[in-house]
Amino acid sequence: MKEYLKYQRKASRIELFIRIIYLIPILLIIHVYTILAGICHLIQWFIVLIFGFRNKYLSKFVQGYVKYIISVLAYSHNLSDERPKILPKPYRIFFEKEE
């Protein structure tokens, strides 16, 4: 797993200005992604309540959302100069053993 919150002493002044423009499309995508992740989270809650287990695909979708938000927050709060991708990529947080 990549460490987004690792301290970096060196900072780019030019990146500060690029950051403002770069975050505009990301914030639009995050808005849509937040709505979808919220719906998935609500559906997951009902699945756990009724059936007593978690849906694998809903969990992975919400985990990908959390990972993407962390990378964007690290960039937008000047903790890192590494730009997150505009479109989120699928993330694997847990490596499961296939049986």
PDB file of N, CA and C in Angstrom:
ATOM      1  N   MET A   1       0.840  -1.174   0.000  1.00  0.00           N
ATOM      2  CA  MET A   1       0.000   0.000   0.000  1.00  0.00           C
ATOM      3  C   MET A   1       0.885   1.237   0.000  1.00  0.00           C
ATOM      4  N   LYS A   2       0.533   2.199  -0.797  1.00  0.00           N
ATOM      5  CA  LYS A   2       1.286   3.436  -0.891  1.00  0.00           C
ATOM      6  C   LYS A   2       1.023   4.289   0.345  1.00  0.00           C
ATOM      7  N   GLU A   3       2.051   4.945   0.822  1.00  0.00           N
ATOM      8  CA  GLU A   3       1.906   5.776   2.008  1.00  0.00           C
ATOM      9  C   GLU A   3       1.726   7.227   1.569  1.00  0.00           C
ATOM     10  N   TYR A   4       0.504   7.741   1.649  1.00  0.00           N
ATOM     11  CA  TYR A   4       0.193   9.084   1.187  1.00  0.00           C
ATOM     12  C   TYR A   4       0.507  10.145   2.234  1.00  0.00           C
ATOM     13  N   LEU A   5       0.541   9.778   3.482  1.00  0.00           N
ATOM     14  CA  LEU A   5       0.714  10.759   4.536  1.00  0.00           C
ATOM     15  C   LEU A   5       2.146  10.801   5.060  1.00  0.00           C
ATOM     16  N   LYS A   6       3.083  10.314   4.278  1.00  0.00           N
ATOM     17  CA  LYS A   6       4.482  10.356   4.656  1.00  0.00           C
ATOM     18  C   LYS A   6       4.992  11.793   4.539  1.00  0.00           C
ATOM     19  N   TYR A   7       5.751  12.238   5.531  1.00  0.00           N
ATOM     20  CA  TYR A   7       6.263  13.610   5.548  1.00  0.00           C
ATOM     21  C   TYR A   7       7.227  13.835   4.394  1.00  0.00           C
ATOM     22  N   GLN A   8       7.030  14.933   3.681  1.00  0.00           N
ATOM     23  CA  GLN A   8       7.914  15.324   2.590  1.00  0.00           C
ATOM     24  C   GLN A   8       8.359  16.762   2.837  1.00  0.00           C
ATOM     25  N   ARG A   9       9.654  16.958   3.022  1.00  0.00           N
ATOM     26  CA  ARG A   9      10.167  18.299   3.307  1.00  0.00           C
ATOM     27  C   ARG A   9      10.123  19.199   2.077  1.00  0.00           C
ATOM     28  N   LYS A  10      10.528  18.669   0.934  1.00  0.00           N
ATOM     29  CA  LYS A  10      10.592  19.465  -0.285  1.00  0.00           C
ATOM     30  C   LYS A  10       9.171  19.714  -0.812  1.00  0.00           C
ATOM     31  N   ALA A  11       8.913  20.965  -1.210  1.00  0.00           N
ATOM     32  CA  ALA A  11       7.608  21.330  -1.755  1.00  0.00           C
ATOM     33  C   ALA A  11       7.808  22.225  -2.966  1.00  0.00           C
ATOM     34  N   SER A  12       6.971  22.052  -3.953  1.00  0.00           N
ATOM     35  CA  SER A  12       7.059  22.833  -5.181  1.00  0.00           C
ATOM     36  C   SER A  12       6.105  24.022  -5.114  1.00  0.00           C
ATOM     37  N   ARG A  13       6.629  25.206  -5.395  1.00  0.00           N
ATOM     38  CA  ARG A  13       5.787  26.408  -5.397  1.00  0.00           C
ATOM     39  C   ARG A  13       4.852  26.416  -6.600  1.00  0.00           C
ATOM     40  N   ILE A  14       5.344  25.924  -7.721  1.00  0.00           N
ATOM     41  CA  ILE A  14       4.512  25.874  -8.929  1.00  0.00           C
ATOM     42  C   ILE A  14       3.342  24.912  -8.724  1.00  0.00           C
ATOM     43  N   GLU A  15       3.602  23.840  -8.013  1.00  0.00           N
ATOM     44  CA  GLU A  15       2.553  22.850  -7.759  1.00  0.00           C
ATOM     45  C   GLU A  15       1.389  23.447  -6.973  1.00  0.00           C
ATOM     46  N   LEU A  16       1.653  24.447  -6.151  1.00  0.00           N
ATOM     47  CA  LEU A  16       0.575  25.107  -5.403  1.00  0.00           C
ATOM     48  C   LEU A  16      -0.465  25.718  -6.335  1.00  0.00           C
ATOM     49  N   PHE A  17      -0.019  26.322  -7.423  1.00  0.00           N
ATOM     50  CA  PHE A  17      -0.943  26.939  -8.363  1.00  0.00           C
ATOM     51  C   PHE A  17      -1.617  25.898  -9.262  1.00  0.00           C
ATOM     52  N   ILE A  18      -0.868  24.885  -9.631  1.00  0.00           N
ATOM     53  CA  ILE A  18      -1.439  23.814 -10.449  1.00  0.00           C
ATOM     54  C   ILE A  18      -2.515  23.071  -9.657  1.00  0.00           C
ATOM     55  N   ARG A  19      -2.293  22.907  -8.384  1.00  0.00           N
ATOM     56  CA  ARG A  19      -3.192  22.173  -7.496  1.00  0.00           C
ATOM     57  C   ARG A  19      -4.615  22.725  -7.542  1.00  0.00           C
ATOM     58  N   ILE A  20      -4.752  24.040  -7.574  1.00  0.00           N
ATOM     59  CA  ILE A  20      -6.077  24.673  -7.568  1.00  0.00           C
ATOM     60  C   ILE A  20      -6.869  24.275  -8.812  1.00  0.00           C
ATOM     61  N   ILE A  21      -6.245  24.359  -9.964  1.00  0.00           N
ATOM     62  CA  ILE A  21      -6.916  24.011 -11.222  1.00  0.00           C
ATOM     63  C   ILE A  21      -7.153  22.510 -11.311  1.00  0.00           C
ATOM     64  N   TYR A  22      -6.184  21.734 -10.883  1.00  0.00           N
ATOM     65  CA  TYR A  22      -6.259  20.269 -10.987  1.00  0.00           C
ATOM     66  C   TYR A  22      -7.377  19.691 -10.118  1.00  0.00           C
ATOM     67  N   LEU A  23      -7.659  20.331  -8.998  1.00  0.00           N
ATOM     68  CA  LEU A  23      -8.660  19.788  -8.072  1.00  0.00           C
ATOM     69  C   LEU A  23     -10.102  20.022  -8.519  1.00  0.00           C
ATOM     70  N   ILE A  24     -10.336  20.922  -9.456  1.00  0.00           N
ATOM     71  CA  ILE A  24     -11.709  21.198  -9.896  1.00  0.00           C
ATOM     72  C   ILE A  24     -12.386  19.958 -10.486  1.00  0.00           C
ATOM     73  N   PRO A  25     -11.804  19.283 -11.491  1.00  0.00           N
ATOM     74  CA  PRO A  25     -12.482  18.073 -11.995  1.00  0.00           C
ATOM     75  C   PRO A  25     -12.508  16.946 -10.961  1.00  0.00           C
ATOM     76  N   ILE A  26     -11.481  16.876 -10.117  1.00  0.00           N
ATOM     77  CA  ILE A  26     -11.464  15.824  -9.097  1.00  0.00           C
ATOM     78  C   ILE A  26     -12.615  16.017  -8.112  1.00  0.00           C
ATOM     79  N   LEU A  27     -12.881  17.246  -7.734  1.00  0.00           N
ATOM     80  CA  LEU A  27     -13.968  17.503  -6.792  1.00  0.00           C
ATOM     81  C   LEU A  27     -15.332  17.161  -7.391  1.00  0.00           C
ATOM     82  N   LEU A  28     -15.497  17.362  -8.691  1.00  0.00           N
ATOM     83  CA  LEU A  28     -16.742  16.958  -9.349  1.00  0.00           C
ATOM     84  C   LEU A  28     -16.911  15.443  -9.326  1.00  0.00           C
ATOM     85  N   ILE A  29     -15.827  14.733  -9.596  1.00  0.00           N
ATOM     86  CA  ILE A  29     -15.869  13.270  -9.579  1.00  0.00           C
ATOM     87  C   ILE A  29     -16.095  12.756  -8.170  1.00  0.00           C
ATOM     88  N   ILE A  30     -15.463  13.384  -7.179  1.00  0.00           N
ATOM     89  CA  ILE A  30     -15.648  12.973  -5.792  1.00  0.00           C
ATOM     90  C   ILE A  30     -17.107  13.146  -5.368  1.00  0.00           C
ATOM     91  N   HIS A  31     -17.747  14.188  -5.847  1.00  0.00           N
ATOM     92  CA  HIS A  31     -19.148  14.410  -5.498  1.00  0.00           C
ATOM     93  C   HIS A  31     -20.022  13.234  -5.954  1.00  0.00           C
ATOM     94  N   VAL A  32     -19.838  12.819  -7.197  1.00  0.00           N
ATOM     95  CA  VAL A  32     -20.602  11.684  -7.724  1.00  0.00           C
ATOM     96  C   VAL A  32     -20.211  10.395  -6.997  1.00  0.00           C
ATOM     97  N   TYR A  33     -18.912  10.202  -6.779  1.00  0.00           N
ATOM     98  CA  TYR A  33     -18.403   9.000  -6.119  1.00  0.00           C
ATOM     99  C   TYR A  33     -18.930   8.914  -4.678  1.00  0.00           C
ATOM    100  N   THR A  34     -19.058  10.044  -3.995  1.00  0.00           N
ATOM    101  CA  THR A  34     -19.573  10.064  -2.631  1.00  0.00           C
ATOM    102  C   THR A  34     -21.031   9.618  -2.594  1.00  0.00           C
ATOM    103  N   ILE A  35     -21.809  10.073  -3.552  1.00  0.00           N
ATOM    104  CA  ILE A  35     -23.215   9.661  -3.615  1.00  0.00           C
ATOM    105  C   ILE A  35     -23.319   8.159  -3.848  1.00  0.00           C
ATOM    106  N   LEU A  36     -22.548   7.641  -4.806  1.00  0.00           N
ATOM    107  CA  LEU A  36     -22.584   6.207  -5.103  1.00  0.00           C
ATOM    108  C   LEU A  36     -22.086   5.371  -3.923  1.00  0.00           C
ATOM    109  N   ALA A  37     -21.015   5.814  -3.273  1.00  0.00           N
ATOM    110  CA  ALA A  37     -20.490   5.081  -2.121  1.00  0.00           C
ATOM    111  C   ALA A  37     -21.484   5.106  -0.969  1.00  0.00           C
ATOM    112  N   GLY A  38     -22.186   6.206  -0.796  1.00  0.00           N
ATOM    113  CA  GLY A  38     -23.212   6.291   0.246  1.00  0.00           C
ATOM    114  C   GLY A  38     -24.357   5.323  -0.009  1.00  0.00           C
ATOM    115  N   ILE A  39     -24.777   5.214  -1.260  1.00  0.00           N
ATOM    116  CA  ILE A  39     -25.835   4.259  -1.619  1.00  0.00           C
ATOM    117  C   ILE A  39     -25.358   2.836  -1.369  1.00  0.00           C
ATOM    118  N   CYS A  40     -24.118   2.529  -1.784  1.00  0.00           N
ATOM    119  CA  CYS A  40     -23.560   1.191  -1.549  1.00  0.00           C
ATOM    120  C   CYS A  40     -23.457   0.887  -0.052  1.00  0.00           C
ATOM    121  N   HIS A  41     -23.055   1.872   0.710  1.00  0.00           N
ATOM    122  CA  HIS A  41     -22.938   1.690   2.152  1.00  0.00           C
ATOM    123  C   HIS A  41     -24.302   1.400   2.770  1.00  0.00           C
ATOM    124  N   LEU A  42     -25.337   2.116   2.344  1.00  0.00           N
ATOM    125  CA  LEU A  42     -26.687   1.887   2.851  1.00  0.00           C
ATOM    126  C   LEU A  42     -27.198   0.495   2.478  1.00  0.00           C
ATOM    127  N   ILE A  43     -26.962   0.082   1.229  1.00  0.00           N
ATOM    128  CA  ILE A  43     -27.364  -1.269   0.799  1.00  0.00           C
ATOM    129  C   ILE A  43     -26.610  -2.323   1.604  1.00  0.00           C
ATOM    130  N   GLN A  44     -25.311  -2.087   1.812  1.00  0.00           N
ATOM    131  CA  GLN A  44     -24.497  -3.025   2.602  1.00  0.00           C
ATOM    132  C   GLN A  44     -25.044  -3.147   4.027  1.00  0.00           C
ATOM    133  N   TRP A  45     -25.470  -2.048   4.603  1.00  0.00           N
ATOM    134  CA  TRP A  45     -26.011  -2.052   5.961  1.00  0.00           C
ATOM    135  C   TRP A  45     -27.235  -2.962   6.031  1.00  0.00           C
ATOM    136  N   PHE A  46     -28.129  -2.849   5.041  1.00  0.00           N
ATOM    137  CA  PHE A  46     -29.311  -3.695   5.022  1.00  0.00           C
ATOM    138  C   PHE A  46     -28.960  -5.160   4.777  1.00  0.00           C
ATOM    139  N   ILE A  47     -27.975  -5.423   3.946  1.00  0.00           N
ATOM    140  CA  ILE A  47     -27.548  -6.810   3.702  1.00  0.00           C
ATOM    141  C   ILE A  47     -27.020  -7.437   4.987  1.00  0.00           C
ATOM    142  N   VAL A  48     -26.203  -6.693   5.726  1.00  0.00           N
ATOM    143  CA  VAL A  48     -25.677  -7.214   6.996  1.00  0.00           C
ATOM    144  C   VAL A  48     -26.811  -7.412   7.991  1.00  0.00           C
ATOM    145  N   LEU A  49     -27.737  -6.478   8.045  1.00  0.00           N
ATOM    146  CA  LEU A  49     -28.856  -6.579   8.985  1.00  0.00           C
ATOM    147  C   LEU A  49     -29.739  -7.778   8.686  1.00  0.00           C
ATOM    148  N   ILE A  50     -30.042  -7.999   7.417  1.00  0.00           N
ATOM    149  CA  ILE A  50     -30.980  -9.066   7.048  1.00  0.00           C
ATOM    150  C   ILE A  50     -30.300 -10.426   6.945  1.00  0.00           C
ATOM    151  N   PHE A  51     -29.139 -10.492   6.259  1.00  0.00           N
ATOM    152  CA  PHE A  51     -28.522 -11.778   5.970  1.00  0.00           C
ATOM    153  C   PHE A  51     -27.356 -12.136   6.882  1.00  0.00           C
ATOM    154  N   GLY A  52     -26.738 -11.155   7.526  1.00  0.00           N
ATOM    155  CA  GLY A  52     -25.643 -11.435   8.449  1.00  0.00           C
ATOM    156  C   GLY A  52     -24.283 -11.604   7.797  1.00  0.00           C
ATOM    157  N   PHE A  53     -24.114 -11.130   6.581  1.00  0.00           N
ATOM    158  CA  PHE A  53     -22.801 -11.161   5.931  1.00  0.00           C
ATOM    159  C   PHE A  53     -22.665  -9.925   5.048  1.00  0.00           C
ATOM    160  N   ARG A  54     -21.441  -9.669   4.586  1.00  0.00           N
ATOM    161  CA  ARG A  54     -21.166  -8.517   3.728  1.00  0.00           C
ATOM    162  C   ARG A  54     -21.042  -8.942   2.276  1.00  0.00           C
ATOM    163  N   ASN A  55     -21.497  -8.074   1.399  1.00  0.00           N
ATOM    164  CA  ASN A  55     -21.332  -8.298  -0.026  1.00  0.00           C
ATOM    165  C   ASN A  55     -19.920  -7.872  -0.426  1.00  0.00           C
ATOM    166  N   LYS A  56     -19.194  -8.753  -1.075  1.00  0.00           N
ATOM    167  CA  LYS A  56     -17.801  -8.515  -1.435  1.00  0.00           C
ATOM    168  C   LYS A  56     -17.639  -7.306  -2.363  1.00  0.00           C
ATOM    169  N   TYR A  57     -18.504  -7.169  -3.350  1.00  0.00           N
ATOM    170  CA  TYR A  57     -18.367  -6.116  -4.352  1.00  0.00           C
ATOM    171  C   TYR A  57     -18.732  -4.745  -3.793  1.00  0.00           C
ATOM    172  N   LEU A  58     -19.736  -4.693  -2.949  1.00  0.00           N
ATOM    173  CA  LEU A  58     -20.071  -3.426  -2.303  1.00  0.00           C
ATOM    174  C   LEU A  58     -18.936  -2.983  -1.387  1.00  0.00           C
ATOM    175  N   SER A  59     -18.348  -3.934  -0.661  1.00  0.00           N
ATOM    176  CA  SER A  59     -17.226  -3.610   0.221  1.00  0.00           C
ATOM    177  C   SER A  59     -16.043  -3.069  -0.569  1.00  0.00           C
ATOM    178  N   LYS A  60     -15.714  -3.700  -1.677  1.00  0.00           N
ATOM    179  CA  LYS A  60     -14.584  -3.245  -2.487  1.00  0.00           C
ATOM    180  C   LYS A  60     -14.841  -1.859  -3.073  1.00  0.00           C
ATOM    181  N   PHE A  61     -16.081  -1.582  -3.443  1.00  0.00           N
ATOM    182  CA  PHE A  61     -16.408  -0.272  -3.994  1.00  0.00           C
ATOM    183  C   PHE A  61     -16.212   0.817  -2.940  1.00  0.00           C
ATOM    184  N   VAL A  62     -16.715   0.584  -1.734  1.00  0.00           N
ATOM    185  CA  VAL A  62     -16.576   1.572  -0.664  1.00  0.00           C
ATOM    186  C   VAL A  62     -15.118   1.687  -0.222  1.00  0.00           C
ATOM    187  N   GLN A  63     -14.378   0.595  -0.201  1.00  0.00           N
ATOM    188  CA  GLN A  63     -12.955   0.643   0.145  1.00  0.00           C
ATOM    189  C   GLN A  63     -12.174   1.456  -0.890  1.00  0.00           C
ATOM    190  N   GLY A  64     -12.507   1.296  -2.160  1.00  0.00           N
ATOM    191  CA  GLY A  64     -11.866   2.085  -3.207  1.00  0.00           C
ATOM    192  C   GLY A  64     -12.165   3.568  -3.044  1.00  0.00           C
ATOM    193  N   TYR A  65     -13.382   3.873  -2.626  1.00  0.00           N
ATOM    194  CA  TYR A  65     -13.764   5.266  -2.374  1.00  0.00           C
ATOM    195  C   TYR A  65     -12.924   5.852  -1.247  1.00  0.00           C
ATOM    196  N   VAL A  66     -12.787   5.124  -0.155  1.00  0.00           N
ATOM    197  CA  VAL A  66     -12.011   5.615   0.988  1.00  0.00           C
ATOM    198  C   VAL A  66     -10.554   5.831   0.589  1.00  0.00           C
ATOM    199  N   LYS A  67      -9.984   4.918  -0.150  1.00  0.00           N
ATOM    200  CA  LYS A  67      -8.598   5.027  -0.585  1.00  0.00           C
ATOM    201  C   LYS A  67      -8.400   6.245  -1.500  1.00  0.00           C
ATOM    202  N   TYR A  68      -9.342   6.462  -2.408  1.00  0.00           N
ATOM    203  CA  TYR A  68      -9.261   7.603  -3.322  1.00  0.00           C
ATOM    204  C   TYR A  68      -9.367   8.920  -2.561  1.00  0.00           C
ATOM    205  N   ILE A  69     -10.284   8.984  -1.614  1.00  0.00           N
ATOM    206  CA  ILE A  69     -10.460  10.196  -0.811  1.00  0.00           C
ATOM    207  C   ILE A  69      -9.178  10.506  -0.038  1.00  0.00           C
ATOM    208  N   ILE A  70      -8.534   9.491   0.513  1.00  0.00           N
ATOM    209  CA  ILE A  70      -7.293   9.709   1.266  1.00  0.00           C
ATOM    210  C   ILE A  70      -6.212  10.289   0.354  1.00  0.00           C
ATOM    211  N   SER A  71      -6.090   9.766  -0.861  1.00  0.00           N
ATOM    212  CA  SER A  71      -5.062  10.278  -1.770  1.00  0.00           C
ATOM    213  C   SER A  71      -5.360  11.717  -2.191  1.00  0.00           C
ATOM    214  N   VAL A  72      -6.627  12.037  -2.408  1.00  0.00           N
ATOM    215  CA  VAL A  72      -7.000  13.401  -2.787  1.00  0.00           C
ATOM    216  C   VAL A  72      -6.805  14.361  -1.614  1.00  0.00           C
ATOM    217  N   LEU A  73      -7.174  13.936  -0.409  1.00  0.00           N
ATOM    218  CA  LEU A  73      -6.998  14.798   0.764  1.00  0.00           C
ATOM    219  C   LEU A  73      -5.527  15.085   1.035  1.00  0.00           C
ATOM    220  N   ALA A  74      -4.674  14.102   0.855  1.00  0.00           N
ATOM    221  CA  ALA A  74      -3.245  14.317   1.065  1.00  0.00           C
ATOM    222  C   ALA A  74      -2.719  15.365   0.084  1.00  0.00           C
ATOM    223  N   TYR A  75      -3.197  15.323  -1.143  1.00  0.00           N
ATOM    224  CA  TYR A  75      -2.768  16.294  -2.157  1.00  0.00           C
ATOM    225  C   TYR A  75      -3.381  17.668  -1.898  1.00  0.00           C
ATOM    226  N   SER A  76      -4.677  17.714  -1.607  1.00  0.00           N
ATOM    227  CA  SER A  76      -5.356  19.000  -1.460  1.00  0.00           C
ATOM    228  C   SER A  76      -4.967  19.736  -0.182  1.00  0.00           C
ATOM    229  N   HIS A  77      -4.513  19.024   0.826  1.00  0.00           N
ATOM    230  CA  HIS A  77      -4.102  19.656   2.077  1.00  0.00           C
ATOM    231  C   HIS A  77      -2.589  19.877   2.154  1.00  0.00           C
ATOM    232  N   ASN A  78      -1.929  19.861   1.008  1.00  0.00           N
ATOM    233  CA  ASN A  78      -0.496  20.147   0.902  1.00  0.00           C
ATOM    234  C   ASN A  78       0.380  19.188   1.707  1.00  0.00           C
ATOM    235  N   LEU A  79      -0.059  17.969   1.868  1.00  0.00           N
ATOM    236  CA  LEU A  79       0.762  16.971   2.542  1.00  0.00           C
ATOM    237  C   LEU A  79       1.645  16.224   1.553  1.00  0.00           C
ATOM    238  N   SER A  80       1.301  16.317   0.277  1.00  0.00           N
ATOM    239  CA  SER A  80       2.054  15.611  -0.754  1.00  0.00           C
ATOM    240  C   SER A  80       1.964  16.391  -2.064  1.00  0.00           C
ATOM    241  N   ASP A  81       3.023  16.333  -2.854  1.00  0.00           N
ATOM    242  CA  ASP A  81       2.993  16.926  -4.189  1.00  0.00           C
ATOM    243  C   ASP A  81       2.615  15.897  -5.249  1.00  0.00           C
ATOM    244  N   GLU A  82       2.387  14.668  -4.832  1.00  0.00           N
ATOM    245  CA  GLU A  82       2.017  13.623  -5.784  1.00  0.00           C
ATOM    246  C   GLU A  82       0.542  13.758  -6.138  1.00  0.00           C
ATOM    247  N   ARG A  83       0.294  14.014  -7.426  1.00  0.00           N
ATOM    248  CA  ARG A  83      -1.083  14.219  -7.877  1.00  0.00           C
ATOM    249  C   ARG A  83      -1.840  12.898  -7.948  1.00  0.00           C
ATOM    250  N   PRO A  84      -3.044  12.873  -7.392  1.00  0.00           N
ATOM    251  CA  PRO A  84      -3.870  11.680  -7.584  1.00  0.00           C
ATOM    252  C   PRO A  84      -4.428  11.682  -9.002  1.00  0.00           C
ATOM    253  N   LYS A  85      -4.782  10.529  -9.493  1.00  0.00           N
ATOM    254  CA  LYS A  85      -5.382  10.462 -10.822  1.00  0.00           C
ATOM    255  C   LYS A  85      -6.762  11.107 -10.764  1.00  0.00           C
ATOM    256  N   ILE A  86      -7.158  11.688 -11.882  1.00  0.00           N
ATOM    257  CA  ILE A  86      -8.464  12.350 -11.911  1.00  0.00           C
ATOM    258  C   ILE A  86      -9.577  11.321 -11.744  1.00  0.00           C
ATOM    259  N   LEU A  87      -9.507  10.235 -12.466  1.00  0.00           N
ATOM    260  CA  LEU A  87     -10.487   9.162 -12.292  1.00  0.00           C
ATOM    261  C   LEU A  87      -9.919   8.129 -11.337  1.00  0.00           C
ATOM    262  N   PRO A  88     -10.703   7.725 -10.352  1.00  0.00           N
ATOM    263  CA  PRO A  88     -10.194   6.729  -9.402  1.00  0.00           C
ATOM    264  C   PRO A  88      -9.972   5.385 -10.085  1.00  0.00           C
ATOM    265  N   LYS A  89      -8.963   4.684  -9.623  1.00  0.00           N
ATOM    266  CA  LYS A  89      -8.712   3.354 -10.154  1.00  0.00           C
ATOM    267  C   LYS A  89      -9.206   2.338  -9.125  1.00  0.00           C
ATOM    268  N   PRO A  90      -9.493   1.136  -9.562  1.00  0.00           N
ATOM    269  CA  PRO A  90      -9.941   0.127  -8.592  1.00  0.00           C
ATOM    270  C   PRO A  90      -8.802  -0.238  -7.643  1.00  0.00           C
ATOM    271  N   TYR A  91      -9.096  -0.291  -6.375  1.00  0.00           N
ATOM    272  CA  TYR A  91      -8.102  -0.599  -5.358  1.00  0.00           C
ATOM    273  C   TYR A  91      -8.400  -1.940  -4.728  1.00  0.00           C
ATOM    274  N   ARG A  92      -7.334  -2.658  -4.373  1.00  0.00           N
ATOM    275  CA  ARG A  92      -7.473  -3.885  -3.590  1.00  0.00           C
ATOM    276  C   ARG A  92      -6.807  -3.630  -2.255  1.00  0.00           C
ATOM    277  N   ILE A  93      -7.597  -3.546  -1.214  1.00  0.00           N
ATOM    278  CA  ILE A  93      -7.046  -3.306   0.115  1.00  0.00           C
ATOM    279  C   ILE A  93      -6.731  -4.628   0.798  1.00  0.00           C
ATOM    280  N   PHE A  94      -7.628  -5.578   0.702  1.00  0.00           N
ATOM    281  CA  PHE A  94      -7.412  -6.890   1.314  1.00  0.00           C
ATOM    282  C   PHE A  94      -7.092  -7.896   0.226  1.00  0.00           C
ATOM    283  N   PHE A  95      -6.056  -8.664   0.442  1.00  0.00           N
ATOM    284  CA  PHE A  95      -5.708  -9.701  -0.515  1.00  0.00           C
ATOM    285  C   PHE A  95      -6.264 -11.007   0.020  1.00  0.00           C
ATOM    286  N   GLU A  96      -7.282 -11.483  -0.650  1.00  0.00           N
ATOM    287  CA  GLU A  96      -7.971 -12.681  -0.192  1.00  0.00           C
ATOM    288  C   GLU A  96      -7.428 -13.900  -0.912  1.00  0.00           C
ATOM    289  N   LYS A  97      -7.394 -14.973  -0.207  1.00  0.00           N
ATOM    290  CA  LYS A  97      -6.957 -16.239  -0.784  1.00  0.00           C
ATOM    291  C   LYS A  97      -8.150 -16.894  -1.475  1.00  0.00           C
ATOM    292  N   GLU A  98      -8.020 -17.125  -2.758  1.00  0.00           N
ATOM    293  CA  GLU A  98      -9.106 -17.772  -3.520  1.00  0.00           C
ATOM    294  C   GLU A  98      -9.107 -19.264  -3.205  1.00  0.00           C
ATOM    295  N   GLU A  99     -10.275 -19.771  -2.900  1.00  0.00           N
ATOM    296  CA  GLU A  99     -10.387 -21.215  -2.569  1.00  0.00           C
ATOM    297  C   GLU A  99     -11.154 -21.943  -3.613  1.00  0.00           C
TER     298      GLU A  99
END
